[in-house]
Structures are given as C-alpha cells and as structure tokens.
Amino acid sequence: MALEQEIKLPFPDVEAARRAVVAAGGRLAVSRRLLEDVFYDTADGRLRGQSQALRLRRDGERTILTWKGPRQPGAVKIREEIETDCADADALTALLGVLGYVSFFRTQKYREEYHTDGAVLTVDETPFGVFVEVEAPPATIDAIARRLDRGPADYELGSYITLWRRWCESRGRPFSDMLFTPPAGRESK
C-alpha cells in the first residue's frame, strides 16, 4: 500500500497559482484536463463512517479506481491509498453496483500537473476556487510550501468534498455535487 501525503493551498486565480508553481521550480508534466470523480459507499455509509473513500476517476481515456484509508495524525494529510487502472469504466461502475456500492457524490475539476524535487504539484480549478496541491513527503512539502510563500498555517488538509461542503454552508447553498455549471444554452460535454 502506498501513502498519500499532501496539502492543498488556496490561490486567488489560476494564473497566480501557475506563476507560483513555476517560480517554485515546477515543470509542467501533464497539461490541463478535466477530471471527473464519482465517490461510492455502501447504502448505510460504512466507508464514510470509517473515514474511508472509494473513488472512480475518469481522466480523459484513463479510468482509475482508488481506495483511501482514514487520515493519519500529522501536519500534512497522510492516508493509505490503493489505486488501479481499469480498462472499462462502465463495467467497473456495474461491478461496484453488483457489490452493493452506490454513488453518493460527483466532482469535477480541471487539473494540470507539475513536477519538482520529487514532488507532484497540481493546479486544480474547482467550481469554488483554485488550489495548488503538493504531494510529497512532509519535509519536501514544507520546503516547497516555503517556495510558494506559504507555511503550515496555510495548509488545507480537507478533501475537496469537505472544502466544498464548507463553502456551500458558508454561502447558505444546499450541498450537492461539485460540478461546473455550463453557460446558459450550452450542454456540458
């Protein structure tokens, strides 16, 4: 099992995030694309009740199934993580249903990926804000955060679901899927 070790840092806009990442030494590795995630659980919420997550991600032609364990104590977000690629998203969706899993939440975000000093930095555009995610061992995260002019007080350790819920509540909006709203008269792709 691998460990996911990461933080999120909010930025005012995409250009500010890109400039900061490049200034911190980030080199573009994967261009901007739309990620679509569907989160699954049992009907009684067993996984969420145990602080676990089961996610099916569509990243272009790629489909990835990910399980994440409970968050471990620490200054950065650390969780056990198992990921595997799948050749057929629809078959995997059907299999999850047969096994008793139901979808309970969907997210969308635009992501571009940068690499520096053994770390992966992503610029994530979400329906509620822009974040730079830094994934690396904690000491590397701290060093890169300093190069981004940020420190531990700026670290966001919540998942996008948690951050979205907080954002909705702060604006008196109902909590629903985290999706981009297409402009009037245009269908989403």
C-alpha atoms as a PDB file:
ATOM      1  CA  MET A   1       0.000   0.000   0.000  1.00  0.00           C
ATOM      2  CA  ALA A   2       1.180   3.488  -0.817  1.00  0.00           C
ATOM      3  CA  LEU A   3       0.842   6.556   1.356  1.00  0.00           C
ATOM      4  CA  GLU A   4      -0.776   9.688   0.026  1.00  0.00           C
ATOM      5  CA  GLN A   5       0.950  12.681   1.661  1.00  0.00           C
ATOM      6  CA  GLU A   6      -0.344  16.074   0.607  1.00  0.00           C
ATOM      7  CA  ILE A   7      -1.610  19.537   1.352  1.00  0.00           C
ATOM      8  CA  LYS A   8      -3.765  21.991  -0.558  1.00  0.00           C
ATOM      9  CA  LEU A   9      -3.041  25.706  -0.749  1.00  0.00           C
ATOM     10  CA  PRO A  10      -5.714  28.174  -1.923  1.00  0.00           C
ATOM     11  CA  PHE A  11      -4.815  30.726  -4.606  1.00  0.00           C
ATOM     12  CA  PRO A  12      -6.815  33.707  -5.883  1.00  0.00           C
ATOM     13  CA  ASP A  13      -6.825  32.515  -9.506  1.00  0.00           C
ATOM     14  CA  VAL A  14      -5.264  30.062 -11.946  1.00  0.00           C
ATOM     15  CA  GLU A  15      -2.601  32.433 -13.246  1.00  0.00           C
ATOM     16  CA  ALA A  16      -1.379  33.256  -9.726  1.00  0.00           C
ATOM     17  CA  ALA A  17      -1.197  29.535  -8.944  1.00  0.00           C
ATOM     18  CA  ARG A  18       0.722  28.752 -12.148  1.00  0.00           C
ATOM     19  CA  ARG A  19       3.187  31.595 -11.599  1.00  0.00           C
ATOM     20  CA  ALA A  20       3.841  30.455  -8.025  1.00  0.00           C
ATOM     21  CA  VAL A  21       4.342  26.816  -9.048  1.00  0.00           C
ATOM     22  CA  VAL A  22       6.749  27.713 -11.872  1.00  0.00           C
ATOM     23  CA  ALA A  23       8.641  30.128  -9.603  1.00  0.00           C
ATOM     24  CA  ALA A  24       8.952  27.269  -7.068  1.00  0.00           C
ATOM     25  CA  GLY A  25      10.673  25.156  -9.735  1.00  0.00           C
ATOM     26  CA  GLY A  26       7.674  23.252 -11.087  1.00  0.00           C
ATOM     27  CA  ARG A  27       7.948  21.883 -14.612  1.00  0.00           C
ATOM     28  CA  LEU A  28       4.739  21.126 -16.499  1.00  0.00           C
ATOM     29  CA  ALA A  29       4.336  17.343 -16.786  1.00  0.00           C
ATOM     30  CA  VAL A  30       0.642  16.932 -17.704  1.00  0.00           C
ATOM     31  CA  SER A  31      -1.421  19.636 -19.400  1.00  0.00           C
ATOM     32  CA  ARG A  32      -4.770  20.941 -18.199  1.00  0.00           C
ATOM     33  CA  ARG A  33      -7.632  18.457 -18.452  1.00  0.00           C
ATOM     34  CA  LEU A  34     -10.973  17.751 -16.816  1.00  0.00           C
ATOM     35  CA  LEU A  35     -11.091  15.131 -14.056  1.00  0.00           C
ATOM     36  CA  GLU A  36     -14.474  13.646 -13.199  1.00  0.00           C
ATOM     37  CA  ASP A  37     -14.785  11.693  -9.957  1.00  0.00           C
ATOM     38  CA  VAL A  38     -17.618   9.573  -8.593  1.00  0.00           C
ATOM     39  CA  PHE A  39     -17.450   8.552  -4.926  1.00  0.00           C
ATOM     40  CA  TYR A  40     -19.028   5.299  -3.782  1.00  0.00           C
ATOM     41  CA  ASP A  41     -20.118   3.873  -0.451  1.00  0.00           C
ATOM     42  CA  THR A  42     -22.457   1.270   0.919  1.00  0.00           C
ATOM     43  CA  ALA A  43     -26.092   2.315   1.358  1.00  0.00           C
ATOM     44  CA  ASP A  44     -25.520   2.652   5.113  1.00  0.00           C
ATOM     45  CA  GLY A  45     -22.395   4.846   4.664  1.00  0.00           C
ATOM     46  CA  ARG A  46     -19.971   2.319   6.142  1.00  0.00           C
ATOM     47  CA  LEU A  47     -16.903   3.682   4.311  1.00  0.00           C
ATOM     48  CA  ARG A  48     -17.588   7.307   5.234  1.00  0.00           C
ATOM     49  CA  GLY A  49     -18.298   6.212   8.801  1.00  0.00           C
ATOM     50  CA  GLN A  50     -14.795   4.733   8.907  1.00  0.00           C
ATOM     51  CA  SER A  51     -13.231   7.821   7.205  1.00  0.00           C
ATOM     52  CA  GLN A  52     -12.509   5.825   4.050  1.00  0.00           C
ATOM     53  CA  ALA A  53     -13.137   6.786   0.426  1.00  0.00           C
ATOM     54  CA  LEU A  54     -13.764   4.778  -2.736  1.00  0.00           C
ATOM     55  CA  ARG A  55     -13.445   6.833  -5.908  1.00  0.00           C
ATOM     56  CA  LEU A  56     -13.792   6.148  -9.617  1.00  0.00           C
ATOM     57  CA  ARG A  57     -11.918   8.794 -11.613  1.00  0.00           C
ATOM     58  CA  ARG A  58     -12.196   9.496 -15.314  1.00  0.00           C
ATOM     59  CA  ASP A  59      -9.137  11.328 -16.586  1.00  0.00           C
ATOM     60  CA  GLY A  60      -9.568  11.551 -20.335  1.00  0.00           C
ATOM     61  CA  GLU A  61      -9.417   7.983 -21.646  1.00  0.00           C
ATOM     62  CA  ARG A  62      -7.944   6.753 -18.362  1.00  0.00           C
ATOM     63  CA  THR A  63     -10.111   5.259 -15.583  1.00  0.00           C
ATOM     64  CA  ILE A  64      -8.687   4.847 -12.073  1.00  0.00           C
ATOM     65  CA  LEU A  65     -10.264   3.166  -9.043  1.00  0.00           C
ATOM     66  CA  THR A  66      -8.893   4.464  -5.733  1.00  0.00           C
ATOM     67  CA  TRP A  67      -9.426   3.456  -2.134  1.00  0.00           C
ATOM     68  CA  LYS A  68      -8.224   5.841   0.594  1.00  0.00           C
ATOM     69  CA  GLY A  69      -7.924   4.963   4.250  1.00  0.00           C
ATOM     70  CA  PRO A  70      -8.507   7.167   7.286  1.00  0.00           C
ATOM     71  CA  ARG A  71      -6.321  10.233   7.737  1.00  0.00           C
ATOM     72  CA  GLN A  72      -3.329   9.675   9.994  1.00  0.00           C
ATOM     73  CA  PRO A  73      -2.236  12.280  12.546  1.00  0.00           C
ATOM     74  CA  GLY A  74       0.288  14.836  11.356  1.00  0.00           C
ATOM     75  CA  ALA A  75       0.895  18.313   9.996  1.00  0.00           C
ATOM     76  CA  VAL A  76       0.119  17.146   6.442  1.00  0.00           C
ATOM     77  CA  LYS A  77      -2.662  14.914   5.169  1.00  0.00           C
ATOM     78  CA  ILE A  78      -1.433  11.308   5.214  1.00  0.00           C
ATOM     79  CA  ARG A  79      -3.627   8.391   4.163  1.00  0.00           C
ATOM     80  CA  GLU A  80      -3.097   4.878   2.908  1.00  0.00           C
ATOM     81  CA  GLU A  81      -4.032   4.684  -0.742  1.00  0.00           C
ATOM     82  CA  ILE A  82      -4.517   1.900  -3.279  1.00  0.00           C
ATOM     83  CA  GLU A  83      -5.033   2.770  -6.941  1.00  0.00           C
ATOM     84  CA  THR A  84      -5.502   0.696 -10.058  1.00  0.00           C
ATOM     85  CA  ASP A  85      -6.256   1.480 -13.674  1.00  0.00           C
ATOM     86  CA  CYS A  86      -9.320  -0.047 -15.303  1.00  0.00           C
ATOM     87  CA  ALA A  87      -9.895  -0.631 -18.996  1.00  0.00           C
ATOM     88  CA  ASP A  88     -13.696  -0.220 -18.897  1.00  0.00           C
ATOM     89  CA  ALA A  89     -15.286   2.465 -16.684  1.00  0.00           C
ATOM     90  CA  ASP A  90     -18.818   1.305 -17.412  1.00  0.00           C
ATOM     91  CA  ALA A  91     -18.026  -2.310 -16.479  1.00  0.00           C
ATOM     92  CA  LEU A  92     -16.347  -1.145 -13.265  1.00  0.00           C
ATOM     93  CA  THR A  93     -19.378   1.004 -12.418  1.00  0.00           C
ATOM     94  CA  ALA A  94     -21.629  -2.030 -12.936  1.00  0.00           C
ATOM     95  CA  LEU A  95     -19.327  -4.206 -10.820  1.00  0.00           C
ATOM     96  CA  LEU A  96     -19.394  -1.691  -7.943  1.00  0.00           C
ATOM     97  CA  GLY A  97     -23.200  -1.722  -8.102  1.00  0.00           C
ATOM     98  CA  VAL A  98     -23.364  -5.528  -8.010  1.00  0.00           C
ATOM     99  CA  LEU A  99     -21.079  -5.464  -4.970  1.00  0.00           C
ATOM    100  CA  GLY A 100     -23.518  -3.127  -3.188  1.00  0.00           C
ATOM    101  CA  TYR A 101     -21.781   0.198  -3.648  1.00  0.00           C
ATOM    102  CA  VAL A 102     -23.816   3.253  -4.610  1.00  0.00           C
ATOM    103  CA  SER A 103     -22.596   6.583  -5.883  1.00  0.00           C
ATOM    104  CA  PHE A 104     -23.174   9.406  -3.438  1.00  0.00           C
ATOM    105  CA  PHE A 105     -21.117  12.325  -4.745  1.00  0.00           C
ATOM    106  CA  ARG A 106     -19.618  13.594  -8.000  1.00  0.00           C
ATOM    107  CA  THR A 107     -16.877  16.162  -8.517  1.00  0.00           C
ATOM    108  CA  GLN A 108     -15.244  17.907 -11.436  1.00  0.00           C
ATOM    109  CA  LYS A 109     -12.012  19.837 -11.546  1.00  0.00           C
ATOM    110  CA  TYR A 110      -9.565  21.000 -14.151  1.00  0.00           C
ATOM    111  CA  ARG A 111      -6.045  19.911 -13.281  1.00  0.00           C
ATOM    112  CA  GLU A 112      -2.576  20.461 -14.618  1.00  0.00           C
ATOM    113  CA  GLU A 113       0.410  18.669 -13.116  1.00  0.00           C
ATOM    114  CA  TYR A 114       3.931  19.906 -12.414  1.00  0.00           C
ATOM    115  CA  HIS A 115       6.976  18.093 -11.010  1.00  0.00           C
ATOM    116  CA  THR A 116       9.876  19.397  -8.940  1.00  0.00           C
ATOM    117  CA  ASP A 117      12.295  17.860  -6.440  1.00  0.00           C
ATOM    118  CA  GLY A 118      10.417  14.558  -6.267  1.00  0.00           C
ATOM    119  CA  ALA A 119       7.098  16.278  -5.603  1.00  0.00           C
ATOM    120  CA  VAL A 120       3.935  16.474  -7.668  1.00  0.00           C
ATOM    121  CA  LEU A 121       2.270  19.881  -7.678  1.00  0.00           C
ATOM    122  CA  THR A 122      -1.134  20.259  -9.259  1.00  0.00           C
ATOM    123  CA  VAL A 123      -3.046  23.386 -10.129  1.00  0.00           C
ATOM    124  CA  ASP A 124      -6.677  22.481  -9.525  1.00  0.00           C
ATOM    125  CA  GLU A 125      -9.521  24.684 -10.768  1.00  0.00           C
ATOM    126  CA  THR A 126     -12.700  23.738  -8.929  1.00  0.00           C
ATOM    127  CA  PRO A 127     -16.207  25.216  -9.078  1.00  0.00           C
ATOM    128  CA  PHE A 128     -15.421  27.072  -5.834  1.00  0.00           C
ATOM    129  CA  GLY A 129     -11.777  28.112  -6.118  1.00  0.00           C
ATOM    130  CA  VAL A 130      -8.240  27.392  -7.214  1.00  0.00           C
ATOM    131  CA  PHE A 131      -5.821  25.259  -5.214  1.00  0.00           C
ATOM    132  CA  VAL A 132      -2.267  24.072  -5.542  1.00  0.00           C
ATOM    133  CA  GLU A 133      -1.935  20.552  -4.215  1.00  0.00           C
ATOM    134  CA  VAL A 134       1.551  19.465  -3.141  1.00  0.00           C
ATOM    135  CA  GLU A 135       2.091  15.711  -2.883  1.00  0.00           C
ATOM    136  CA  ALA A 136       5.409  14.569  -1.394  1.00  0.00           C
ATOM    137  CA  PRO A 137       6.938  13.508   1.939  1.00  0.00           C
ATOM    138  CA  PRO A 138       6.249  16.053   4.711  1.00  0.00           C
ATOM    139  CA  ALA A 139       9.744  17.631   4.723  1.00  0.00           C
ATOM    140  CA  THR A 140       9.542  18.173   0.956  1.00  0.00           C
ATOM    141  CA  ILE A 141       6.025  19.597   1.290  1.00  0.00           C
ATOM    142  CA  ASP A 142       7.285  22.113   3.860  1.00  0.00           C
ATOM    143  CA  ALA A 143      10.218  23.141   1.649  1.00  0.00           C
ATOM    144  CA  ILE A 144       8.045  23.594  -1.428  1.00  0.00           C
ATOM    145  CA  ALA A 145       5.372  25.447   0.551  1.00  0.00           C
ATOM    146  CA  ARG A 146       8.041  27.942   1.642  1.00  0.00           C
ATOM    147  CA  ARG A 147       8.996  28.435  -2.024  1.00  0.00           C
ATOM    148  CA  LEU A 148       5.300  29.113  -2.666  1.00  0.00           C
ATOM    149  CA  ASP A 149       5.439  31.776   0.107  1.00  0.00           C
ATOM    150  CA  ARG A 150       3.226  29.669   2.350  1.00  0.00           C
ATOM    151  CA  GLY A 151       3.611  27.900   5.674  1.00  0.00           C
ATOM    152  CA  PRO A 152       1.827  25.345   7.870  1.00  0.00           C
ATOM    153  CA  ALA A 153      -0.872  27.845   8.841  1.00  0.00           C
ATOM    154  CA  ASP A 154      -1.910  27.906   5.166  1.00  0.00           C
ATOM    155  CA  TYR A 155      -2.135  24.121   4.770  1.00  0.00           C
ATOM    156  CA  GLU A 156      -5.577  22.827   3.926  1.00  0.00           C
ATOM    157  CA  LEU A 157      -5.864  19.148   4.847  1.00  0.00           C
ATOM    158  CA  GLY A 158      -9.508  18.586   3.986  1.00  0.00           C
ATOM    159  CA  SER A 159     -10.729  16.693   0.950  1.00  0.00           C
ATOM    160  CA  TYR A 160     -12.434  18.571  -1.853  1.00  0.00           C
ATOM    161  CA  ILE A 161     -15.745  17.152  -0.593  1.00  0.00           C
ATOM    162  CA  THR A 162     -15.094  18.679   2.842  1.00  0.00           C
ATOM    163  CA  LEU A 163     -13.973  22.015   1.389  1.00  0.00           C
ATOM    164  CA  TRP A 164     -16.966  22.126  -0.954  1.00  0.00           C
ATOM    165  CA  ARG A 165     -19.376  21.381   1.917  1.00  0.00           C
ATOM    166  CA  ARG A 166     -17.795  24.173   3.972  1.00  0.00           C
ATOM    167  CA  TRP A 167     -18.029  26.574   1.011  1.00  0.00           C
ATOM    168  CA  CYS A 168     -21.703  25.728   0.396  1.00  0.00           C
ATOM    169  CA  GLU A 169     -22.579  26.127   4.091  1.00  0.00           C
ATOM    170  CA  SER A 170     -20.796  29.494   4.308  1.00  0.00           C
ATOM    171  CA  ARG A 171     -22.974  30.790   1.464  1.00  0.00           C
ATOM    172  CA  GLY A 172     -26.245  29.214   2.552  1.00  0.00           C
ATOM    173  CA  ARG A 173     -26.263  26.991  -0.530  1.00  0.00           C
ATOM    174  CA  PRO A 174     -27.524  23.423  -0.495  1.00  0.00           C
ATOM    175  CA  PHE A 175     -24.767  20.826  -0.537  1.00  0.00           C
ATOM    176  CA  SER A 176     -24.813  18.979  -3.850  1.00  0.00           C
ATOM    177  CA  ASP A 177     -22.392  17.514  -6.373  1.00  0.00           C
ATOM    178  CA  MET A 178     -19.322  19.697  -7.039  1.00  0.00           C
ATOM    179  CA  LEU A 179     -19.835  20.326 -10.753  1.00  0.00           C
ATOM    180  CA  PHE A 180     -19.183  23.169 -13.137  1.00  0.00           C
ATOM    181  CA  THR A 181     -22.391  24.748 -14.375  1.00  0.00           C
ATOM    182  CA  PRO A 182     -22.377  25.060 -18.155  1.00  0.00           C
ATOM    183  CA  PRO A 183     -23.141  28.530 -19.547  1.00  0.00           C
ATOM    184  CA  ALA A 184     -26.794  29.109 -20.396  1.00  0.00           C
ATOM    185  CA  GLY A 185     -27.767  27.476 -23.677  1.00  0.00           C
ATOM    186  CA  ARG A 186     -24.741  25.165 -23.753  1.00  0.00           C
ATOM    187  CA  GLU A 187     -24.738  21.495 -22.938  1.00  0.00           C
ATOM    188  CA  SER A 188     -21.938  20.016 -20.854  1.00  0.00           C
ATOM    189  CA  LYS A 189     -19.619  17.594 -22.611  1.00  0.00           C
END
